[in-house]
Amino acid sequence: MSQDTPSSPPRVPRDFYADLMRASQTSRAGFLAERERWLRGVPVEGREELLFEFEMLLRAVERYLNLNTVVDARDRPLVTRDFREELADVRDAMDRAIRVARHLQDPDSDQKMVFRKYVETQLADDRVRRALIEEQLDQETPPESLFVLREAFDALKNLLDHLLKLPAANLGLFQDVGKLSLREIVLNRYFRPFRPLEFRVEYDRLRSVRLLDTLVTLQEEQRTAFTTAFLGLFRLLHYLAYVDAEEQPPFSRRVRVLLALVRSEATALASWMHSELSPNAGSKSLQAATLRAARDIARETERVAREVLVNLDRDAEAPLRAASAFTAVLRTQVVALVEALAPNGGLADGVFDELMSPQEAALRLRKDLWVYAQLCRAAESHLRAEDVPAAERVLDALKGFLGYFHDGSYQLLRYGDYDAFDRFTSLLVELPWPPEGPGIRARLGEDLRRFIQTLESTFHSVSRRTHLQGRGFDRQDAEALRDRFLTTPAR
């Protein structure tokens, strides 16, 4: 180690977005962290999107069975209404949730749990059967928790199939189905659906370079507040992506359940923006911008409910018109808030697609991956040459780069890439500083070599994306970014 000056550990950057999401999860963060570890091992393509759809459906069923979300075009008294249409909607949403859960379930563990369920029905000894039932309901692992919820929904779906054969379904029946469904959803240990403004690392990400660059310039409290607002807006847009504009009417019945969820959470988000975000937005112009956004979302949500959602039974195009109206107002508010935060950002009014440019995201990610690999390669080279002072300087620069990377390009990675990047970040965080001894330095060099391979593989994968066809790599710009971190004094 260098003997000239004592080395102090450089500041290790934290993942602001991951911290914000975990803070939103309150007392459930431990269960959700365990579930995230399970999800990363699920051998299914698009597993994070399947999980999002599953939890979206749970949340939608929960909201749809709340009388406050039920819209009736004829404004009939609740006690005289026939709720068979609503129950049919819920049945379709549950059916889809069951199918998504099966995709997420590991085939081997699923077969074991199905067999255990069969054994449970065959046992004559009540004590043994009771023990098996309690073991299953303990939900000690995410797969067990998912299986319990899937079985419950299967039973409820079969029950609904029989109830829908009745000549009518009155208010009491509708409420009883709601109570049974809500109990199964809320008591589930690992898959209890998110609350409004509660976010998940697995699928809640901001993937706009301009937005990420804007947010990083804000003070911490202001950044937290606006990030929460943007995550809420993009969550709603994510819901609406499940209303397929290319699907031909009649739409699947679960679309009505989904639109009820959008209406409910848009109202909640507008209320939060009015009461919580605006007072803490900062300048008067930002306060005014957030109030306008909250007002516009609330006003359009009410209009869609009053003029469009009431006609779902009579107008085959109503679901698509409602989804289009919600999408338009939410996109407009995203752009308006970005413009309010960065007035000279160069965005034309309403140009949401420009803000969310996948080409801009791919260009940024490709450049940052190259710089990341260059810094790792330099550190590994110095360690191999036993030039310890130089290695320390590059490792210091690397840790500084991590802060920049986590505030931007890390959010642009695909979910399947997170695991390798997180492992390497954890390694640097836990690294003794300075890394004394040849053994520690040798292991660090080996870890760097392995991670360089990951960076190069990810770099080439990003470079092959359609959005980058014909776009050469700007090496000069990338080298300037690399040198910026190499020449920054250690803190």
Protein backbone atom coordinates (compact mmCIF):
# COMPACT_ATOMS: atom_id res chain seq x y z
CA MET A 1 0.00 0.00 0.00
CA SER A 2 1.07 3.57 -0.50
CA GLN A 3 2.89 4.89 2.54
CA ASP A 4 2.82 8.57 1.54
CA THR A 5 -0.57 9.45 2.93
CA PRO A 6 -3.07 7.39 4.87
CA SER A 7 -5.91 6.17 2.68
CA SER A 8 -9.47 6.75 3.79
CA PRO A 9 -12.37 4.80 2.36
CA PRO A 10 -13.88 6.69 -0.57
CA ARG A 11 -17.57 7.37 -0.32
CA VAL A 12 -19.47 4.35 -1.58
CA PRO A 13 -22.54 5.51 -3.49
CA ARG A 14 -25.93 4.12 -2.65
CA ASP A 15 -28.71 3.28 -5.06
CA PHE A 16 -31.07 6.18 -4.42
CA TYR A 17 -33.95 4.53 -6.27
CA ALA A 18 -33.63 1.17 -4.53
CA ASP A 19 -33.49 2.93 -1.15
CA LEU A 20 -36.60 4.96 -1.98
CA MET A 21 -38.53 1.86 -3.00
CA ARG A 22 -37.53 -0.09 0.08
CA ALA A 23 -38.52 2.86 2.28
CA SER A 24 -41.97 2.82 0.65
CA GLN A 25 -42.42 -0.84 1.64
CA THR A 26 -42.35 -0.12 5.41
CA SER A 27 -42.43 -3.29 7.51
CA ARG A 28 -42.64 -5.66 4.52
CA ALA A 29 -39.18 -4.90 3.15
CA GLY A 30 -37.72 -8.16 4.52
CA PHE A 31 -40.31 -10.38 2.84
CA LEU A 32 -40.00 -8.45 -0.40
CA ALA A 33 -36.20 -8.72 -0.39
CA GLU A 34 -36.51 -12.49 0.00
CA ARG A 35 -39.05 -12.56 -2.81
CA GLU A 36 -36.71 -10.59 -5.05
CA ARG A 37 -33.96 -13.15 -4.44
CA TRP A 38 -36.41 -15.90 -5.38
CA LEU A 39 -37.50 -14.09 -8.54
CA ARG A 40 -33.94 -13.73 -9.79
CA GLY A 41 -33.68 -17.51 -9.74
CA VAL A 42 -36.94 -18.16 -11.60
CA PRO A 43 -35.92 -19.65 -14.98
CA VAL A 44 -38.64 -17.89 -16.97
CA GLU A 45 -38.17 -15.24 -19.64
CA GLY A 46 -39.78 -11.95 -18.66
CA ARG A 47 -40.29 -13.08 -15.08
CA GLU A 48 -40.36 -9.53 -13.71
CA GLU A 49 -43.15 -8.58 -16.12
CA LEU A 50 -45.13 -11.66 -15.16
CA LEU A 51 -44.78 -10.70 -11.52
CA PHE A 52 -45.96 -7.18 -12.31
CA GLU A 53 -49.01 -8.49 -14.15
CA PHE A 54 -49.81 -10.88 -11.31
CA GLU A 55 -49.62 -8.20 -8.63
CA MET A 56 -51.50 -5.75 -10.83
CA LEU A 57 -54.35 -8.25 -11.14
CA LEU A 58 -54.40 -8.83 -7.38
CA ARG A 59 -54.58 -5.12 -6.75
CA ALA A 60 -57.22 -4.68 -9.45
CA VAL A 61 -59.45 -7.40 -7.99
CA GLU A 62 -59.08 -5.86 -4.55
CA ARG A 63 -60.12 -2.43 -5.84
CA TYR A 64 -62.92 -3.68 -8.11
CA LEU A 65 -64.63 -5.45 -5.24
CA ASN A 66 -64.80 -2.11 -3.41
CA LEU A 67 -68.20 -0.50 -3.95
CA ASN A 68 -66.59 2.92 -4.36
CA THR A 69 -65.16 1.85 -7.72
CA VAL A 70 -68.39 0.40 -9.11
CA VAL A 71 -69.86 2.62 -11.82
CA ASP A 72 -73.49 2.27 -12.89
CA ALA A 73 -74.76 4.10 -15.97
CA ARG A 74 -78.32 4.12 -14.67
CA ASP A 75 -77.33 5.12 -11.14
CA ARG A 76 -79.51 2.42 -9.60
CA PRO A 77 -79.61 1.91 -5.83
CA LEU A 78 -77.05 -0.68 -4.78
CA VAL A 79 -79.64 -2.84 -3.06
CA THR A 80 -81.59 -3.34 -6.30
CA ARG A 81 -78.66 -4.00 -8.60
CA ASP A 82 -77.67 -7.28 -10.20
CA PHE A 83 -73.89 -7.70 -9.79
CA ARG A 84 -73.43 -10.65 -12.13
CA GLU A 85 -71.57 -8.51 -14.67
CA GLU A 86 -69.08 -7.36 -12.04
CA LEU A 87 -68.62 -10.90 -10.73
CA ALA A 88 -67.96 -12.12 -14.28
CA ASP A 89 -65.29 -9.42 -14.61
CA VAL A 90 -63.65 -10.55 -11.37
CA ARG A 91 -63.80 -14.18 -12.48
CA ASP A 92 -61.89 -13.35 -15.68
CA ALA A 93 -59.24 -11.40 -13.77
CA MET A 94 -58.77 -14.30 -11.36
CA ASP A 95 -58.50 -16.76 -14.22
CA ARG A 96 -55.70 -14.72 -15.77
CA ALA A 97 -53.95 -14.37 -12.40
CA ILE A 98 -54.01 -18.16 -11.98
CA ARG A 99 -52.41 -18.66 -15.39
CA VAL A 100 -49.71 -16.07 -14.70
CA ALA A 101 -48.97 -17.70 -11.33
CA ARG A 102 -48.48 -21.05 -13.05
CA HIS A 103 -45.88 -19.48 -15.36
CA LEU A 104 -43.99 -18.14 -12.34
CA GLN A 105 -44.10 -21.41 -10.45
CA ASP A 106 -41.10 -23.69 -10.77
CA PRO A 107 -42.45 -26.95 -12.31
CA ASP A 108 -40.65 -29.22 -9.83
CA SER A 109 -41.74 -27.37 -6.71
CA ASP A 110 -45.24 -26.97 -8.13
CA GLN A 111 -45.58 -30.71 -8.65
CA LYS A 112 -44.36 -31.37 -5.13
CA MET A 113 -46.93 -28.99 -3.66
CA VAL A 114 -49.72 -30.44 -5.78
CA PHE A 115 -48.74 -33.93 -4.64
CA ARG A 116 -48.64 -32.79 -1.01
CA LYS A 117 -52.11 -31.34 -1.48
CA TYR A 118 -53.29 -34.68 -2.84
CA VAL A 119 -51.72 -36.57 0.08
CA GLU A 120 -53.46 -34.20 2.47
CA THR A 121 -56.87 -35.21 1.06
CA GLN A 122 -56.08 -38.93 1.37
CA LEU A 123 -54.92 -38.99 4.97
CA ALA A 124 -57.18 -40.57 7.54
CA ASP A 125 -55.19 -39.28 10.50
CA ASP A 126 -56.52 -35.82 11.34
CA ARG A 127 -53.37 -34.90 13.25
CA VAL A 128 -51.09 -35.50 10.26
CA ARG A 129 -53.50 -33.78 7.89
CA ARG A 130 -53.73 -30.78 10.20
CA ALA A 131 -49.93 -30.56 10.36
CA LEU A 132 -49.69 -30.57 6.56
CA ILE A 133 -52.34 -27.87 6.25
CA GLU A 134 -50.60 -25.65 8.79
CA GLU A 135 -47.23 -26.20 7.13
CA GLN A 136 -48.64 -25.06 3.81
CA LEU A 137 -50.44 -22.03 5.24
CA ASP A 138 -47.28 -20.89 7.03
CA GLN A 139 -46.01 -19.75 3.60
CA GLU A 140 -42.37 -20.02 4.59
CA THR A 141 -41.09 -19.45 1.04
CA PRO A 142 -42.27 -17.38 -1.94
CA PRO A 143 -43.17 -20.51 -3.99
CA GLU A 144 -45.36 -21.80 -1.13
CA SER A 145 -46.97 -18.39 -0.79
CA LEU A 146 -47.67 -18.24 -4.52
CA PHE A 147 -49.15 -21.74 -4.49
CA VAL A 148 -51.48 -20.89 -1.59
CA LEU A 149 -52.79 -17.82 -3.39
CA ARG A 150 -53.18 -19.67 -6.66
CA GLU A 151 -55.16 -22.44 -4.96
CA ALA A 152 -57.39 -19.87 -3.25
CA PHE A 153 -58.10 -18.10 -6.53
CA ASP A 154 -58.83 -21.41 -8.21
CA ALA A 155 -61.41 -22.17 -5.54
CA LEU A 156 -62.93 -18.69 -5.79
CA LYS A 157 -63.09 -18.95 -9.57
CA ASN A 158 -64.98 -22.25 -9.34
CA LEU A 159 -67.31 -20.70 -6.80
CA LEU A 160 -67.95 -17.77 -9.14
CA ASP A 161 -68.68 -20.15 -12.01
CA HIS A 162 -71.59 -21.52 -10.01
CA LEU A 163 -72.74 -18.16 -8.67
CA LEU A 164 -72.93 -16.76 -12.19
CA LYS A 165 -75.57 -19.38 -13.02
CA LEU A 166 -77.95 -17.77 -10.54
CA PRO A 167 -80.72 -15.56 -11.95
CA ALA A 168 -79.24 -12.57 -10.08
CA ALA A 169 -76.39 -11.62 -7.75
CA ASN A 170 -77.42 -9.13 -5.11
CA LEU A 171 -75.36 -6.69 -3.09
CA GLY A 172 -74.82 -9.08 -0.20
CA LEU A 173 -73.42 -11.77 -2.48
CA PHE A 174 -71.09 -9.28 -4.17
CA GLN A 175 -69.80 -8.07 -0.81
CA ASP A 176 -69.27 -11.61 0.48
CA VAL A 177 -67.18 -12.50 -2.57
CA GLY A 178 -65.23 -9.32 -1.91
CA LYS A 179 -64.55 -10.27 1.71
CA LEU A 180 -63.33 -13.75 0.79
CA SER A 181 -61.11 -12.44 -2.00
CA LEU A 182 -59.69 -9.61 0.06
CA ARG A 183 -58.81 -11.96 2.91
CA GLU A 184 -56.82 -14.26 0.63
CA ILE A 185 -55.00 -11.35 -0.99
CA VAL A 186 -54.16 -9.33 2.11
CA LEU A 187 -53.11 -12.30 4.26
CA ASN A 188 -50.66 -13.58 1.67
CA ARG A 189 -47.14 -13.23 3.01
CA TYR A 190 -45.04 -12.65 -0.11
CA PHE A 191 -47.53 -11.56 -2.76
CA ARG A 192 -49.73 -9.10 -0.96
CA PRO A 193 -50.20 -6.41 -3.61
CA PHE A 194 -48.51 -3.06 -3.40
CA ARG A 195 -50.24 -0.06 -1.92
CA PRO A 196 -50.52 3.20 -3.85
CA LEU A 197 -47.07 4.85 -3.92
CA GLU A 198 -45.40 1.64 -2.78
CA PHE A 199 -42.86 0.52 -5.34
CA ARG A 200 -40.94 -2.59 -6.31
CA VAL A 201 -37.32 -2.83 -7.39
CA GLU A 202 -38.24 -5.64 -9.78
CA TYR A 203 -40.33 -3.58 -12.18
CA ASP A 204 -40.65 0.06 -11.11
CA ARG A 205 -37.90 1.88 -12.99
CA LEU A 206 -37.50 5.27 -14.61
CA ARG A 207 -36.04 4.63 -18.05
CA SER A 208 -35.69 8.15 -19.42
CA VAL A 209 -32.17 9.57 -19.61
CA ARG A 210 -33.41 13.14 -19.48
CA LEU A 211 -35.63 12.47 -16.52
CA LEU A 212 -32.86 10.69 -14.59
CA ASP A 213 -30.40 13.49 -15.34
CA THR A 214 -32.93 16.05 -14.17
CA LEU A 215 -33.75 14.29 -10.92
CA VAL A 216 -30.11 13.86 -9.90
CA THR A 217 -29.69 17.65 -9.82
CA LEU A 218 -32.33 18.08 -7.09
CA GLN A 219 -31.83 18.26 -3.35
CA GLU A 220 -32.52 14.96 -1.58
CA GLU A 221 -36.00 15.72 -0.19
CA GLN A 222 -37.12 17.34 -3.41
CA ARG A 223 -35.67 14.50 -5.44
CA THR A 224 -37.48 11.93 -3.30
CA ALA A 225 -40.80 13.71 -3.70
CA PHE A 226 -40.58 14.14 -7.47
CA THR A 227 -39.21 10.64 -8.00
CA THR A 228 -42.21 9.27 -6.12
CA ALA A 229 -44.52 11.26 -8.38
CA PHE A 230 -42.84 10.03 -11.56
CA LEU A 231 -42.81 6.42 -10.36
CA GLY A 232 -46.53 6.73 -9.63
CA LEU A 233 -47.23 8.17 -13.08
CA PHE A 234 -45.23 5.48 -14.85
CA ARG A 235 -46.88 2.76 -12.76
CA LEU A 236 -50.26 3.91 -14.09
CA LEU A 237 -48.95 3.97 -17.66
CA HIS A 238 -47.64 0.45 -17.11
CA TYR A 239 -51.14 -0.67 -16.11
CA LEU A 240 -52.60 0.90 -19.22
CA ALA A 241 -50.17 -0.99 -21.46
CA TYR A 242 -52.31 -4.05 -20.67
CA VAL A 243 -55.24 -2.53 -22.52
CA ASP A 244 -54.22 -3.68 -25.97
CA ALA A 245 -55.00 -1.01 -28.57
CA GLU A 246 -54.81 -3.65 -31.31
CA GLU A 247 -57.29 -5.99 -29.64
CA GLN A 248 -60.64 -6.07 -31.35
CA PRO A 249 -63.83 -5.54 -29.33
CA PRO A 250 -65.24 -7.07 -27.30
CA PHE A 251 -62.32 -6.65 -24.91
CA SER A 252 -61.60 -9.24 -22.24
CA ARG A 253 -63.68 -8.67 -19.15
CA ARG A 254 -60.64 -8.14 -16.94
CA VAL A 255 -59.98 -4.86 -18.78
CA ARG A 256 -62.90 -3.38 -16.83
CA VAL A 257 -61.24 -4.47 -13.60
CA LEU A 258 -57.96 -2.94 -14.73
CA LEU A 259 -59.57 0.39 -15.63
CA ALA A 260 -61.16 0.53 -12.19
CA LEU A 261 -57.67 0.15 -10.72
CA VAL A 262 -56.32 2.96 -12.92
CA ARG A 263 -59.15 5.23 -11.88
CA SER A 264 -58.63 4.46 -8.19
CA GLU A 265 -54.87 4.94 -8.18
CA ALA A 266 -54.96 8.01 -10.44
CA THR A 267 -57.29 9.62 -7.92
CA ALA A 268 -54.97 8.65 -5.05
CA LEU A 269 -51.91 9.97 -6.89
CA ALA A 270 -53.59 13.28 -7.70
CA SER A 271 -54.59 13.68 -4.06
CA TRP A 272 -51.02 12.96 -2.89
CA MET A 273 -49.55 15.39 -5.41
CA HIS A 274 -51.92 18.09 -4.20
CA SER A 275 -51.43 17.59 -0.47
CA GLU A 276 -47.87 16.23 -0.21
CA LEU A 277 -45.84 17.01 -3.32
CA SER A 278 -46.89 20.58 -4.01
CA PRO A 279 -46.03 22.01 -0.55
CA ASN A 280 -42.58 20.38 -0.76
CA ALA A 281 -41.92 21.03 -4.44
CA GLY A 282 -39.61 23.99 -3.88
CA SER A 283 -40.09 27.22 -5.80
CA LYS A 284 -43.48 28.80 -6.36
CA SER A 285 -43.34 27.87 -10.04
CA LEU A 286 -42.78 24.21 -9.15
CA GLN A 287 -45.58 24.31 -6.59
CA ALA A 288 -47.89 25.74 -9.24
CA ALA A 289 -46.81 23.11 -11.78
CA THR A 290 -47.49 20.23 -9.39
CA LEU A 291 -50.87 21.68 -8.43
CA ARG A 292 -51.81 21.96 -12.11
CA ALA A 293 -50.72 18.38 -12.73
CA ALA A 294 -52.72 17.11 -9.75
CA ARG A 295 -55.78 19.09 -10.81
CA ASP A 296 -55.59 17.91 -14.44
CA ILE A 297 -55.23 14.25 -13.43
CA ALA A 298 -58.14 14.47 -10.98
CA ARG A 299 -60.34 16.34 -13.44
CA GLU A 300 -59.70 13.97 -16.36
CA THR A 301 -60.12 10.90 -14.15
CA GLU A 302 -63.51 12.15 -13.04
CA ARG A 303 -64.50 12.96 -16.62
CA VAL A 304 -63.50 9.50 -17.88
CA ALA A 305 -65.45 7.84 -15.07
CA ARG A 306 -68.52 9.99 -15.68
CA GLU A 307 -68.56 9.94 -19.49
CA VAL A 308 -66.76 6.76 -20.57
CA LEU A 309 -66.58 4.11 -17.85
CA VAL A 310 -70.33 4.30 -17.27
CA ASN A 311 -70.83 3.06 -20.82
CA LEU A 312 -68.67 -0.06 -20.63
CA ASP A 313 -71.76 -2.28 -20.90
CA ARG A 314 -73.18 -0.44 -23.91
CA ASP A 315 -70.17 0.77 -25.90
CA ALA A 316 -67.70 -1.85 -27.15
CA GLU A 317 -65.08 0.85 -27.79
CA ALA A 318 -65.39 2.39 -24.31
CA PRO A 319 -62.44 0.49 -22.76
CA LEU A 320 -60.08 1.68 -25.47
CA ARG A 321 -61.37 5.26 -25.28
CA ALA A 322 -60.94 5.27 -21.51
CA ALA A 323 -57.41 3.87 -21.75
CA SER A 324 -56.49 6.42 -24.42
CA ALA A 325 -57.79 9.30 -22.32
CA PHE A 326 -55.94 8.13 -19.22
CA THR A 327 -52.73 7.59 -21.20
CA ALA A 328 -52.91 11.04 -22.77
CA VAL A 329 -53.37 12.92 -19.51
CA LEU A 330 -50.67 10.96 -17.69
CA ARG A 331 -48.12 11.41 -20.47
CA THR A 332 -48.90 15.11 -20.62
CA GLN A 333 -48.25 15.50 -16.90
CA VAL A 334 -44.95 13.60 -17.11
CA VAL A 335 -43.70 16.00 -19.78
CA ALA A 336 -45.09 19.04 -17.94
CA LEU A 337 -43.31 18.13 -14.70
CA VAL A 338 -40.01 17.47 -16.47
CA GLU A 339 -40.32 20.84 -18.20
CA ALA A 340 -41.08 22.50 -14.87
CA LEU A 341 -37.96 20.96 -13.32
CA ALA A 342 -35.73 21.71 -16.32
CA PRO A 343 -37.30 24.62 -18.25
CA ASN A 344 -34.53 24.68 -20.86
CA GLY A 345 -34.58 20.97 -21.53
CA GLY A 346 -35.60 21.42 -25.14
CA LEU A 347 -38.72 19.26 -24.98
CA ALA A 348 -41.57 20.34 -27.19
CA ASP A 349 -44.95 20.49 -25.52
CA GLY A 350 -46.36 16.99 -25.14
CA VAL A 351 -43.44 15.15 -26.74
CA PHE A 352 -43.52 12.12 -24.49
CA ASP A 353 -41.86 9.82 -27.01
CA GLU A 354 -38.86 12.14 -27.20
CA LEU A 355 -38.51 12.07 -23.43
CA MET A 356 -38.66 8.26 -23.39
CA SER A 357 -36.37 7.75 -26.39
CA PRO A 358 -35.07 4.14 -26.31
CA GLN A 359 -32.23 5.17 -28.61
CA GLU A 360 -31.04 7.82 -26.18
CA ALA A 361 -31.21 5.28 -23.35
CA ALA A 362 -29.25 2.68 -25.34
CA LEU A 363 -26.58 5.22 -26.32
CA ARG A 364 -26.11 6.30 -22.72
CA LEU A 365 -25.99 2.74 -21.43
CA ARG A 366 -23.50 1.64 -24.08
CA LYS A 367 -21.15 4.52 -23.30
CA ASP A 368 -21.31 3.98 -19.55
CA LEU A 369 -20.72 0.24 -19.86
CA TRP A 370 -17.58 0.93 -21.89
CA VAL A 371 -16.30 3.38 -19.27
CA TYR A 372 -17.13 0.93 -16.48
CA ALA A 373 -15.14 -1.80 -18.24
CA GLN A 374 -12.21 0.56 -18.86
CA LEU A 375 -11.99 1.49 -15.18
CA CYS A 376 -12.21 -2.14 -14.09
CA ARG A 377 -9.58 -3.13 -16.64
CA ALA A 378 -7.23 -0.40 -15.44
CA ALA A 379 -7.65 -1.45 -11.80
CA GLU A 380 -7.05 -5.11 -12.65
CA SER A 381 -3.96 -4.25 -14.69
CA HIS A 382 -2.41 -2.25 -11.85
CA LEU A 383 -3.17 -5.00 -9.34
CA ARG A 384 -1.60 -7.60 -11.62
CA ALA A 385 1.50 -5.41 -11.97
CA GLU A 386 1.51 -4.94 -8.17
CA ASP A 387 1.38 -1.18 -8.65
CA VAL A 388 -0.65 -0.71 -5.50
CA PRO A 389 -0.80 3.13 -5.37
CA ALA A 390 -2.05 3.27 -8.97
CA ALA A 391 -4.58 0.50 -8.27
CA GLU A 392 -5.88 2.43 -5.27
CA ARG A 393 -6.36 5.55 -7.36
CA VAL A 394 -8.32 3.68 -10.03
CA LEU A 395 -10.44 1.85 -7.45
CA ASP A 396 -11.21 5.22 -5.90
CA ALA A 397 -12.27 6.49 -9.34
CA LEU A 398 -14.32 3.33 -9.85
CA LYS A 399 -16.24 3.88 -6.64
CA GLY A 400 -16.91 7.45 -7.69
CA PHE A 401 -18.16 6.22 -11.06
CA LEU A 402 -20.59 3.84 -9.34
CA GLY A 403 -22.55 6.80 -7.96
CA TYR A 404 -22.91 8.24 -11.45
CA PHE A 405 -23.81 4.81 -12.86
CA HIS A 406 -26.48 4.04 -10.26
CA ASP A 407 -28.12 7.42 -10.78
CA GLY A 408 -28.42 6.78 -14.50
CA SER A 409 -27.49 3.76 -16.54
CA TYR A 410 -28.14 1.17 -13.84
CA GLN A 411 -31.82 2.13 -14.11
CA LEU A 412 -31.63 1.38 -17.85
CA LEU A 413 -30.34 -2.18 -17.45
CA ARG A 414 -32.62 -5.12 -18.07
CA TYR A 415 -33.79 -7.00 -15.02
CA GLY A 416 -31.76 -10.09 -15.87
CA ASP A 417 -28.55 -8.03 -15.71
CA TYR A 418 -29.05 -6.71 -12.19
CA ASP A 419 -27.73 -9.74 -10.34
CA ALA A 420 -24.17 -9.62 -11.70
CA PHE A 421 -23.96 -5.84 -11.28
CA ASP A 422 -25.32 -5.99 -7.74
CA ARG A 423 -22.84 -8.68 -6.74
CA PHE A 424 -19.91 -6.61 -7.95
CA THR A 425 -21.21 -3.46 -6.27
CA SER A 426 -21.57 -5.37 -3.00
CA LEU A 427 -18.01 -6.62 -3.38
CA LEU A 428 -16.70 -3.06 -3.64
CA VAL A 429 -18.87 -1.90 -0.76
CA GLU A 430 -17.56 -4.66 1.51
CA LEU A 431 -13.96 -4.37 0.35
CA PRO A 432 -11.54 -3.54 3.19
CA TRP A 433 -10.00 -0.15 2.46
CA PRO A 434 -7.23 0.00 1.61
CA PRO A 435 -7.22 -3.62 0.31
CA GLU A 436 -4.24 -4.85 2.32
CA GLY A 437 -2.36 -8.05 1.59
CA PRO A 438 -1.57 -9.99 -1.58
CA GLY A 439 -4.39 -12.47 -0.96
CA ILE A 440 -7.12 -9.81 -0.91
CA ARG A 441 -5.60 -8.06 -3.92
CA ALA A 442 -5.38 -11.32 -5.88
CA ARG A 443 -9.04 -12.14 -5.19
CA LEU A 444 -10.04 -8.62 -6.14
CA GLY A 445 -8.12 -8.93 -9.41
CA GLU A 446 -9.94 -12.17 -10.21
CA ASP A 447 -13.31 -10.60 -9.39
CA LEU A 448 -12.47 -7.68 -11.66
CA ARG A 449 -11.55 -10.02 -14.54
CA ARG A 450 -14.85 -11.88 -14.22
CA PHE A 451 -16.88 -8.69 -14.06
CA ILE A 452 -15.06 -7.24 -17.07
CA GLN A 453 -16.40 -10.20 -19.04
CA THR A 454 -19.92 -9.37 -17.83
CA LEU A 455 -19.49 -5.72 -18.83
CA GLU A 456 -18.18 -6.64 -22.27
CA SER A 457 -21.02 -9.10 -22.84
CA THR A 458 -23.62 -6.53 -21.78
CA PHE A 459 -21.93 -3.86 -23.92
CA HIS A 460 -22.13 -6.06 -27.03
CA SER A 461 -25.72 -7.00 -26.25
CA VAL A 462 -26.72 -3.33 -26.01
CA SER A 463 -24.77 -2.52 -29.18
CA ARG A 464 -26.85 -5.07 -31.10
CA ARG A 465 -30.13 -3.41 -30.21
CA THR A 466 -32.23 -2.25 -33.13
CA HIS A 467 -32.20 1.33 -31.86
CA LEU A 468 -28.42 1.51 -32.32
CA GLN A 469 -28.21 0.16 -35.84
CA GLY A 470 -26.16 2.60 -37.86
CA ARG A 471 -25.06 4.51 -34.76
CA GLY A 472 -21.31 4.27 -34.32
CA PHE A 473 -19.67 4.29 -30.92
CA ASP A 474 -18.42 7.75 -29.91
CA ARG A 475 -15.13 6.69 -28.40
CA GLN A 476 -13.90 10.24 -27.88
CA ASP A 477 -16.93 11.12 -25.76
CA ALA A 478 -16.57 7.90 -23.77
CA GLU A 479 -12.87 8.53 -23.13
CA ALA A 480 -13.67 12.03 -21.89
CA LEU A 481 -16.14 10.57 -19.39
CA ARG A 482 -13.59 7.98 -18.25
CA ASP A 483 -10.90 10.62 -17.80
CA ARG A 484 -13.30 12.80 -15.81
CA PHE A 485 -13.44 10.15 -13.10
CA LEU A 486 -9.76 9.25 -13.30
CA THR A 487 -8.73 12.87 -12.75
CA THR A 488 -11.25 13.59 -9.98
CA PRO A 489 -9.39 13.81 -6.65
CA ALA A 490 -10.23 11.09 -4.14
CA ARG A 491 -12.55 12.16 -1.33
